[in-house]
C-alpha atoms as a PDB file:
ATOM      1  CA  MET A   1     -58.844 -11.777 -26.360  1.00  0.00           C
ATOM      2  CA  ARG A   2     -58.865 -11.099 -30.173  1.00  0.00           C
ATOM      3  CA  ALA A   3     -56.871 -14.068 -30.632  1.00  0.00           C
ATOM      4  CA  PHE A   4     -59.482 -16.289 -29.090  1.00  0.00           C
ATOM      5  CA  GLU A   5     -62.214 -14.752 -31.076  1.00  0.00           C
ATOM      6  CA  ASN A   6     -60.229 -15.462 -34.375  1.00  0.00           C
ATOM      7  CA  LEU A   7     -59.686 -19.042 -33.193  1.00  0.00           C
ATOM      8  CA  THR A   8     -63.391 -19.502 -32.645  1.00  0.00           C
ATOM      9  CA  ARG A   9     -64.196 -18.299 -36.046  1.00  0.00           C
ATOM     10  CA  ILE A  10     -61.640 -20.633 -37.723  1.00  0.00           C
ATOM     11  CA  VAL A  11     -63.125 -23.631 -35.722  1.00  0.00           C
ATOM     12  CA  ARG A  12     -66.648 -22.737 -36.703  1.00  0.00           C
ATOM     13  CA  HIS A  13     -65.562 -22.285 -40.359  1.00  0.00           C
ATOM     14  CA  SER A  14     -63.757 -25.762 -40.192  1.00  0.00           C
ATOM     15  CA  PHE A  15     -66.325 -28.012 -38.474  1.00  0.00           C
ATOM     16  CA  GLY A  16     -69.517 -25.996 -39.106  1.00  0.00           C
ATOM     17  CA  SER A  17     -71.724 -24.339 -36.651  1.00  0.00           C
ATOM     18  CA  SER A  18     -73.720 -27.419 -35.715  1.00  0.00           C
ATOM     19  CA  ALA A  19     -72.508 -30.181 -33.640  1.00  0.00           C
ATOM     20  CA  SER A  20     -73.960 -32.714 -35.853  1.00  0.00           C
ATOM     21  CA  ARG A  21     -71.751 -31.458 -38.771  1.00  0.00           C
ATOM     22  CA  LEU A  22     -68.442 -32.004 -37.062  1.00  0.00           C
ATOM     23  CA  VAL A  23     -66.685 -32.962 -40.269  1.00  0.00           C
ATOM     24  CA  PRO A  24     -63.302 -31.607 -40.495  1.00  0.00           C
ATOM     25  CA  ARG A  25     -62.131 -29.838 -43.701  1.00  0.00           C
ATOM     26  CA  PRO A  26     -58.708 -30.795 -44.634  1.00  0.00           C
ATOM     27  CA  ALA A  27     -57.997 -27.347 -46.634  1.00  0.00           C
ATOM     28  CA  VAL A  28     -58.310 -25.506 -43.196  1.00  0.00           C
ATOM     29  CA  LEU A  29     -56.642 -27.823 -40.946  1.00  0.00           C
ATOM     30  CA  GLY A  30     -53.243 -25.927 -41.662  1.00  0.00           C
ATOM     31  CA  GLY A  31     -54.918 -22.912 -40.848  1.00  0.00           C
ATOM     32  CA  LEU A  32     -56.116 -24.035 -37.536  1.00  0.00           C
ATOM     33  CA  ALA A  33     -52.521 -25.096 -36.571  1.00  0.00           C
ATOM     34  CA  SER A  34     -51.283 -21.721 -37.463  1.00  0.00           C
ATOM     35  CA  ALA A  35     -53.890 -19.999 -35.408  1.00  0.00           C
ATOM     36  CA  LEU A  36     -52.980 -22.068 -32.453  1.00  0.00           C
ATOM     37  CA  VAL A  37     -49.442 -21.111 -32.589  1.00  0.00           C
ATOM     38  CA  ALA A  38     -50.304 -17.335 -32.954  1.00  0.00           C
ATOM     39  CA  MET A  39     -52.558 -17.487 -30.023  1.00  0.00           C
ATOM     40  CA  LEU A  40     -49.669 -18.884 -27.944  1.00  0.00           C
ATOM     41  CA  VAL A  41     -47.275 -16.116 -29.070  1.00  0.00           C
ATOM     42  CA  LEU A  42     -49.748 -13.371 -28.336  1.00  0.00           C
ATOM     43  CA  ALA A  43     -50.570 -14.836 -24.891  1.00  0.00           C
ATOM     44  CA  SER A  44     -46.788 -15.006 -23.976  1.00  0.00           C
ATOM     45  CA  CYS A  45     -46.536 -11.335 -25.000  1.00  0.00           C
ATOM     46  CA  GLY A  46     -48.682 -10.380 -21.964  1.00  0.00           C
ATOM     47  CA  MET A  47     -46.198 -11.825 -19.581  1.00  0.00           C
ATOM     48  CA  SER A  48     -43.990  -9.364 -17.509  1.00  0.00           C
ATOM     49  CA  LYS A  49     -40.346  -9.792 -16.380  1.00  0.00           C
ATOM     50  CA  GLN A  50     -38.707  -7.740 -13.593  1.00  0.00           C
ATOM     51  CA  ALA A  51     -35.421  -6.403 -14.748  1.00  0.00           C
ATOM     52  CA  ALA A  52     -32.600  -7.188 -12.259  1.00  0.00           C
ATOM     53  CA  GLY A  53     -31.613  -4.276 -10.060  1.00  0.00           C
ATOM     54  CA  PRO A  54     -30.072  -3.114  -6.737  1.00  0.00           C
ATOM     55  CA  ASP A  55     -31.229  -4.967  -3.698  1.00  0.00           C
ATOM     56  CA  THR A  56     -33.877  -2.889  -1.839  1.00  0.00           C
ATOM     57  CA  GLY A  57     -34.451  -2.576   1.732  1.00  0.00           C
ATOM     58  CA  ALA A  58     -37.609  -1.238   3.651  1.00  0.00           C
ATOM     59  CA  GLY A  59     -39.290   1.533   1.850  1.00  0.00           C
ATOM     60  CA  GLY A  60     -37.750   0.698  -1.500  1.00  0.00           C
ATOM     61  CA  GLU A  61     -34.364   2.167  -0.690  1.00  0.00           C
ATOM     62  CA  PRO A  62     -31.349   0.636  -2.152  1.00  0.00           C
ATOM     63  CA  ASN A  63     -29.501  -1.862   0.221  1.00  0.00           C
ATOM     64  CA  PRO A  64     -25.912  -0.371   1.469  1.00  0.00           C
ATOM     65  CA  GLY A  65     -24.535  -3.849   1.355  1.00  0.00           C
ATOM     66  CA  SER A  66     -25.382  -4.456  -2.267  1.00  0.00           C
ATOM     67  CA  PRO A  67     -22.360  -3.762  -4.556  1.00  0.00           C
ATOM     68  CA  THR A  68     -25.034  -2.297  -7.146  1.00  0.00           C
ATOM     69  CA  SER A  69     -26.505   0.302  -4.919  1.00  0.00           C
ATOM     70  CA  GLY A  70     -25.208   3.907  -4.536  1.00  0.00           C
ATOM     71  CA  GLN A  71     -21.847   4.875  -6.086  1.00  0.00           C
ATOM     72  CA  PRO A  72     -19.732   2.108  -7.708  1.00  0.00           C
ATOM     73  CA  SER A  73     -17.259   0.625  -5.222  1.00  0.00           C
ATOM     74  CA  ALA A  74     -13.884  -0.739  -5.482  1.00  0.00           C
ATOM     75  CA  GLN A  75     -12.499  -3.845  -3.728  1.00  0.00           C
ATOM     76  CA  PHE A  76      -8.742  -2.967  -4.494  1.00  0.00           C
ATOM     77  CA  ALA A  77      -6.760   0.189  -4.975  1.00  0.00           C
ATOM     78  CA  TYR A  78      -2.882   0.788  -5.194  1.00  0.00           C
ATOM     79  CA  SER A  79      -0.343   3.472  -5.670  1.00  0.00           C
ATOM     80  CA  THR A  80       3.304   2.724  -6.859  1.00  0.00           C
ATOM     81  CA  SER A  81       6.246   4.807  -7.869  1.00  0.00           C
ATOM     82  CA  GLU A  82       9.523   3.827  -9.680  1.00  0.00           C
ATOM     83  CA  LEU A  83      11.432   6.918  -8.696  1.00  0.00           C
ATOM     84  CA  ASP A  84      12.923   7.697  -5.279  1.00  0.00           C
ATOM     85  CA  LEU A  85      10.158   9.035  -3.059  1.00  0.00           C
ATOM     86  CA  ILE A  86      12.575  10.692  -0.748  1.00  0.00           C
ATOM     87  CA  LYS A  87      16.056  11.658  -1.757  1.00  0.00           C
ATOM     88  CA  SER A  88      19.026  11.074   0.519  1.00  0.00           C
ATOM     89  CA  THR A  89      18.740  13.492   3.570  1.00  0.00           C
ATOM     90  CA  THR A  90      19.779  13.897   7.163  1.00  0.00           C
ATOM     91  CA  GLY A  91      16.142  14.390   8.131  1.00  0.00           C
ATOM     92  CA  THR A  92      12.695  15.388   6.760  1.00  0.00           C
ATOM     93  CA  SER A  93      11.599  17.349  10.081  1.00  0.00           C
ATOM     94  CA  ASP A  94       8.082  15.962   9.688  1.00  0.00           C
ATOM     95  CA  TRP A  95       5.974  13.437   7.842  1.00  0.00           C
ATOM     96  CA  VAL A  96       6.144  13.286   3.979  1.00  0.00           C
ATOM     97  CA  THR A  97       3.354  11.897   1.977  1.00  0.00           C
ATOM     98  CA  VAL A  98       4.859   9.549  -0.364  1.00  0.00           C
ATOM     99  CA  LEU A  99       1.923   7.445  -1.882  1.00  0.00           C
ATOM    100  CA  ALA A 100      -1.828   8.125  -1.784  1.00  0.00           C
ATOM    101  CA  ALA A 101      -4.971   6.483  -3.483  1.00  0.00           C
ATOM    102  CA  PRO A 102      -8.506   6.823  -3.177  1.00  0.00           C
ATOM    103  CA  ILE A 103     -10.866   3.882  -2.366  1.00  0.00           C
ATOM    104  CA  LYS A 104     -14.732   3.479  -2.227  1.00  0.00           C
ATOM    105  CA  MET A 105     -16.300   1.422   0.550  1.00  0.00           C
ATOM    106  CA  PRO A 106     -19.550  -0.426  -0.439  1.00  0.00           C
ATOM    107  CA  ALA A 107     -20.353  -1.107   3.227  1.00  0.00           C
ATOM    108  CA  SER A 108     -18.986  -0.744   6.788  1.00  0.00           C
ATOM    109  CA  LYS A 109     -16.075  -3.205   6.441  1.00  0.00           C
ATOM    110  CA  GLU A 110     -12.327  -3.533   7.228  1.00  0.00           C
ATOM    111  CA  LEU A 111      -9.524  -1.841   5.214  1.00  0.00           C
ATOM    112  CA  TYR A 112      -6.288  -3.825   4.808  1.00  0.00           C
ATOM    113  CA  VAL A 113      -3.167  -1.846   3.481  1.00  0.00           C
ATOM    114  CA  ASN A 114       0.099  -3.343   2.632  1.00  0.00           C
ATOM    115  CA  ALA A 115       2.968  -0.797   2.054  1.00  0.00           C
ATOM    116  CA  SER A 116       6.200  -1.924   0.603  1.00  0.00           C
ATOM    117  CA  LEU A 117       9.246   0.529   0.383  1.00  0.00           C
ATOM    118  CA  GLU A 118      13.042   0.300  -0.423  1.00  0.00           C
ATOM    119  CA  THR A 119      14.872   1.939   2.536  1.00  0.00           C
ATOM    120  CA  GLY A 120      18.425   3.150   2.195  1.00  0.00           C
ATOM    121  CA  LEU A 121      20.788   3.952   5.179  1.00  0.00           C
ATOM    122  CA  TYR A 122      24.221   5.576   5.141  1.00  0.00           C
ATOM    123  CA  THR A 123      26.455   5.953   8.436  1.00  0.00           C
ATOM    124  CA  GLN A 124      29.998   7.240   8.740  1.00  0.00           C
ATOM    125  CA  THR A 125      32.007   7.299  11.837  1.00  0.00           C
ATOM    126  CA  LEU A 126      35.555   8.228  12.153  1.00  0.00           C
ATOM    127  CA  ALA A 127      37.649   7.988  15.563  1.00  0.00           C
ATOM    128  CA  SER A 128      40.710  10.146  15.891  1.00  0.00           C
ATOM    129  CA  SER A 129      43.095   9.191  18.791  1.00  0.00           C
ATOM    130  CA  LYS A 130      46.569   9.887  19.913  1.00  0.00           C
ATOM    131  CA  ASN A 131      48.635   9.633  23.372  1.00  0.00           C
ATOM    132  CA  ASN A 132      46.590   6.480  24.001  1.00  0.00           C
ATOM    133  CA  LYS A 133      43.283   8.702  24.604  1.00  0.00           C
ATOM    134  CA  LYS A 134      39.964   6.921  23.593  1.00  0.00           C
ATOM    135  CA  ASP A 135      37.935   8.506  21.090  1.00  0.00           C
ATOM    136  CA  THR A 136      34.347   7.727  20.259  1.00  0.00           C
ATOM    137  CA  SER A 137      31.914   8.733  17.366  1.00  0.00           C
ATOM    138  CA  THR A 138      28.372   7.496  16.914  1.00  0.00           C
ATOM    139  CA  ALA A 139      25.905   7.932  13.981  1.00  0.00           C
ATOM    140  CA  SER A 140      22.051   6.997  14.083  1.00  0.00           C
ATOM    141  CA  VAL A 141      19.541   7.121  11.390  1.00  0.00           C
ATOM    142  CA  ALA A 142      15.982   5.738  11.103  1.00  0.00           C
ATOM    143  CA  ILE A 143      13.045   5.738   8.589  1.00  0.00           C
ATOM    144  CA  GLN A 144       9.491   5.484  10.139  1.00  0.00           C
ATOM    145  CA  VAL A 145       6.319   4.938   8.133  1.00  0.00           C
ATOM    146  CA  ARG A 146       2.611   5.318   8.962  1.00  0.00           C
ATOM    147  CA  ALA A 147      -0.571   4.594   6.842  1.00  0.00           C
ATOM    148  CA  LEU A 148      -3.456   7.095   7.168  1.00  0.00           C
ATOM    149  CA  ILE A 149      -7.054   6.859   6.338  1.00  0.00           C
ATOM    150  CA  ASP A 150      -8.771  10.347   5.808  1.00  0.00           C
ATOM    151  CA  ASN A 151      -5.563  11.901   7.604  1.00  0.00           C
ATOM    152  CA  GLN A 152      -6.169   9.623  10.584  1.00  0.00           C
ATOM    153  CA  PRO A 153      -3.423   7.113  11.667  1.00  0.00           C
ATOM    154  CA  MET A 154      -4.380   3.362  10.980  1.00  0.00           C
ATOM    155  CA  PRO A 155      -3.285   0.707  13.520  1.00  0.00           C
ATOM    156  CA  PRO A 156      -0.665  -0.252  14.656  1.00  0.00           C
ATOM    157  CA  GLY A 157       0.511   3.325  14.017  1.00  0.00           C
ATOM    158  CA  THR A 158       4.127   4.374  13.370  1.00  0.00           C
ATOM    159  CA  VAL A 159       6.381   1.554  12.286  1.00  0.00           C
ATOM    160  CA  THR A 160      10.187   1.667  11.911  1.00  0.00           C
ATOM    161  CA  TYR A 161      11.115   0.241   8.505  1.00  0.00           C
ATOM    162  CA  ALA A 162      14.895   0.857   8.977  1.00  0.00           C
ATOM    163  CA  ALA A 163      17.187   1.842  11.639  1.00  0.00           C
ATOM    164  CA  ARG A 164      20.953   1.730  12.481  1.00  0.00           C
ATOM    165  CA  THR A 165      23.222   3.039  15.249  1.00  0.00           C
ATOM    166  CA  GLN A 166      26.751   2.906  14.482  1.00  0.00           C
ATOM    167  CA  THR A 167      29.456   3.429  17.204  1.00  0.00           C
ATOM    168  CA  LEU A 168      33.205   3.466  16.566  1.00  0.00           C
ATOM    169  CA  SER A 169      35.770   3.776  19.285  1.00  0.00           C
ATOM    170  CA  ALA A 170      39.585   3.712  19.158  1.00  0.00           C
ATOM    171  CA  THR A 171      42.593   4.170  21.519  1.00  0.00           C
ATOM    172  CA  LEU A 172      45.632   4.865  19.562  1.00  0.00           C
ATOM    173  CA  GLU A 173      49.185   6.256  20.087  1.00  0.00           C
ATOM    174  CA  GLY A 174      49.153   8.462  17.239  1.00  0.00           C
ATOM    175  CA  ALA A 175      51.580   9.104  14.361  1.00  0.00           C
ATOM    176  CA  ILE A 176      55.020   9.561  15.646  1.00  0.00           C
ATOM    177  CA  ALA A 177      57.033   9.852  12.250  1.00  0.00           C
ATOM    178  CA  GLY A 178      59.024  12.978  12.421  1.00  0.00           C
ATOM    179  CA  CYS A 179      58.382  13.411  16.077  1.00  0.00           C
ATOM    180  CA  LEU A 180      61.338  11.391  17.407  1.00  0.00           C
ATOM    181  CA  THR A 181      64.676  12.758  18.587  1.00  0.00           C
ATOM    182  CA  THR A 182      67.728  10.891  19.939  1.00  0.00           C
ATOM    183  CA  VAL A 183      69.243  11.963  23.045  1.00  0.00           C
ATOM    184  CA  VAL A 184      72.806  10.936  24.437  1.00  0.00           C
ATOM    185  CA  ASN A 185      72.668  10.369  28.229  1.00  0.00           C
ATOM    186  CA  GLY A 186      75.524  11.247  30.570  1.00  0.00           C
ATOM    187  CA  ASP A 187      76.443   7.589  30.898  1.00  0.00           C
ATOM    188  CA  GLY A 188      76.988   7.468  27.167  1.00  0.00           C
ATOM    189  CA  THR A 189      73.745   5.567  26.461  1.00  0.00           C
ATOM    190  CA  THR A 190      71.002   6.919  24.096  1.00  0.00           C
ATOM    191  CA  SER A 191      67.468   7.607  24.605  1.00  0.00           C
ATOM    192  CA  ILE A 192      64.560   8.077  21.995  1.00  0.00           C
ATOM    193  CA  ILE A 193      62.255  11.056  22.978  1.00  0.00           C
ATOM    194  CA  VAL A 194      58.741  11.717  21.466  1.00  0.00           C
ATOM    195  CA  ASP A 195      57.712  15.328  21.161  1.00  0.00           C
ATOM    196  CA  GLN A 196      54.063  15.077  22.043  1.00  0.00           C
ATOM    197  CA  ASN A 197      53.400  18.275  20.482  1.00  0.00           C
ATOM    198  CA  CYS A 198      54.368  16.893  17.184  1.00  0.00           C
ATOM    199  CA  VAL A 199      52.334  13.735  17.366  1.00  0.00           C
ATOM    200  CA  THR A 200      49.342  13.597  15.159  1.00  0.00           C
ATOM    201  CA  PRO A 201      46.192  11.556  15.868  1.00  0.00           C
ATOM    202  CA  GLU A 202      45.728   8.194  14.031  1.00  0.00           C
ATOM    203  CA  THR A 203      42.275   7.754  12.455  1.00  0.00           C
ATOM    204  CA  ILE A 204      39.998   4.750  11.899  1.00  0.00           C
ATOM    205  CA  GLU A 205      37.022   5.285   9.743  1.00  0.00           C
ATOM    206  CA  LEU A 206      33.859   3.064   9.151  1.00  0.00           C
ATOM    207  CA  ILE A 207      31.325   3.545   6.322  1.00  0.00           C
ATOM    208  CA  LEU A 208      28.155   1.400   5.901  1.00  0.00           C
ATOM    209  CA  THR A 209      25.830   1.833   2.953  1.00  0.00           C
ATOM    210  CA  THR A 210      22.737  -0.496   2.761  1.00  0.00           C
ATOM    211  CA  LEU A 211      19.667  -0.684   0.634  1.00  0.00           C
ATOM    212  CA  ASN A 212      16.696  -3.070   1.508  1.00  0.00           C
ATOM    213  CA  ALA A 213      12.953  -3.604   0.915  1.00  0.00           C
ATOM    214  CA  ALA A 214      10.608  -3.576   3.829  1.00  0.00           C
ATOM    215  CA  SER A 215       6.930  -4.043   4.172  1.00  0.00           C
ATOM    216  CA  PHE A 216       4.249  -3.907   6.749  1.00  0.00           C
ATOM    217  CA  ASN A 217       0.605  -4.391   7.157  1.00  0.00           C
ATOM    218  CA  PHE A 218      -2.144  -1.890   8.441  1.00  0.00           C
ATOM    219  CA  VAL A 219      -5.749  -2.528   9.225  1.00  0.00           C
ATOM    220  CA  ALA A 220      -8.596  -0.175   9.888  1.00  0.00           C
ATOM    221  CA  SER A 221     -11.770  -1.536  11.303  1.00  0.00           C
ATOM    222  CA  ASN A 222     -15.484  -0.437  10.669  1.00  0.00           C
ATOM    223  CA  VAL A 223     -14.537   1.876   7.966  1.00  0.00           C
ATOM    224  CA  PRO A 224     -17.773   3.593   6.913  1.00  0.00           C
ATOM    225  CA  VAL A 225     -19.452   3.729   3.494  1.00  0.00           C
ATOM    226  CA  GLY A 226     -18.103   6.274   0.975  1.00  0.00           C
ATOM    227  CA  THR A 227     -14.964   7.346  -0.630  1.00  0.00           C
ATOM    228  CA  HIS A 228     -11.850   7.528   1.495  1.00  0.00           C
ATOM    229  CA  THR A 229      -8.293   8.609   0.846  1.00  0.00           C
ATOM    230  CA  ILE A 230      -5.458   6.110   1.708  1.00  0.00           C
ATOM    231  CA  SER A 231      -2.104   7.783   2.079  1.00  0.00           C
ATOM    232  CA  LEU A 232       1.402   6.480   3.205  1.00  0.00           C
ATOM    233  CA  GLN A 233       3.780   8.872   4.920  1.00  0.00           C
ATOM    234  CA  ALA A 234       7.408   8.519   5.848  1.00  0.00           C
ATOM    235  CA  ARG A 235      10.063  10.481   7.875  1.00  0.00           C
ATOM    236  CA  ILE A 236      13.693  10.376   8.227  1.00  0.00           C
ATOM    237  CA  SER A 237      15.560  11.401  11.432  1.00  0.00           C
ATOM    238  CA  SER A 238      19.348  11.215  12.323  1.00  0.00           C
ATOM    239  CA  THR A 239      21.653  11.975  15.150  1.00  0.00           C
ATOM    240  CA  THR A 240      25.294  12.210  15.530  1.00  0.00           C
ATOM    241  CA  SER A 241      28.072  12.568  18.456  1.00  0.00           C
ATOM    242  CA  VAL A 242      31.728  12.824  18.399  1.00  0.00           C
ATOM    243  CA  ASP A 243      34.663  13.581  20.552  1.00  0.00           C
ATOM    244  CA  THR A 244      37.438  14.664  18.272  1.00  0.00           C
ATOM    245  CA  GLY A 245      36.436  12.364  15.313  1.00  0.00           C
ATOM    246  CA  THR A 246      33.582  12.873  12.637  1.00  0.00           C
ATOM    247  CA  ALA A 247      30.201  11.228  12.052  1.00  0.00           C
ATOM    248  CA  SER A 248      27.371  11.585   9.603  1.00  0.00           C
ATOM    249  CA  ALA A 249      24.181   9.793   8.814  1.00  0.00           C
ATOM    250  CA  THR A 250      21.692   9.915   5.948  1.00  0.00           C
ATOM    251  CA  ALA A 251      18.785   7.953   4.624  1.00  0.00           C
ATOM    252  CA  LEU A 252      16.443   7.710   1.405  1.00  0.00           C
ATOM    253  CA  VAL A 253      13.096   6.123   0.613  1.00  0.00           C
ATOM    254  CA  GLY A 254      13.390   4.481  -2.777  1.00  0.00           C
ATOM    255  CA  LYS A 255      10.789   2.770  -4.925  1.00  0.00           C
ATOM    256  CA  GLY A 256       7.503   1.867  -3.350  1.00  0.00           C
ATOM    257  CA  THR A 257       4.053   0.264  -3.656  1.00  0.00           C
ATOM    258  CA  MET A 258       1.001   0.612  -1.541  1.00  0.00           C
ATOM    259  CA  ILE A 259      -2.056  -1.818  -1.795  1.00  0.00           C
ATOM    260  CA  ALA A 260      -5.381  -1.168  -0.315  1.00  0.00           C
ATOM    261  CA  GLN A 261      -8.080  -3.967  -0.134  1.00  0.00           C
ATOM    262  CA  ILE A 262     -11.580  -4.228   1.294  1.00  0.00           C
ATOM    263  CA  VAL A 263     -12.156  -7.207   3.501  1.00  0.00           C
ATOM    264  CA  ARG A 264     -14.408  -8.558   5.944  1.00  0.00           C
ATOM    265  CA  ALA A 265     -12.820  -9.801   9.322  1.00  0.00           C
ATOM    266  CA  VAL A 266     -13.996 -12.703  11.423  1.00  0.00           C
ATOM    267  CA  LYS A 267     -15.659 -11.338  14.253  1.00  0.00           C
END
């Protein structure tokens, strides 16, 4: 308002107070222009601008679907290891948490988890046979994995990352070296007799060692807003059975990476 009053005084001073004396004074034309610029600047200072902020819903509350509302959210989380997650063992007896990571959900959406692990299997079977008697040895081992969100299994549940059943059978006469004797028959012929108690079993052994990388996808629907813990668990189990031979089986979980992403599925 003061800017307009000052402008009025300048106009009156420049042209005079009477309408009949509208003769401009060159010396003050520059002052008139400066006053006009000052008026525009002062007028613009009175304009207000609203700073960008979170989307709000009814009642001025932050919109949960807005990334800027509430606690900050992360669209991506991961956990990785360069060391063996589970050393070679015949079994873990229960689930073992190998990887874990927190993630913040900005809204009720789907959570996609990809889990990649190195899986190593070792199986050994040995068949021991003599006197043409069949002998069988079997070794089985498996690595199972599941993903959890807040300690609850994610679909599709338990997944087998690696498994092997190895069976070896053999029917052998046995090692007879040193168990043979020569007998002269009554008609002058000779016969070779095998001492069955002296025969030692013959053996055949099979050992397999493999190391592979396996990956699987897990998805949880309608995960609520907030911070959640994503964990990956693995367990190792093995069984063996033998007649007179031997068998063993072990497994390990090597390096691994778990990636979690927030996605919106098509309904």
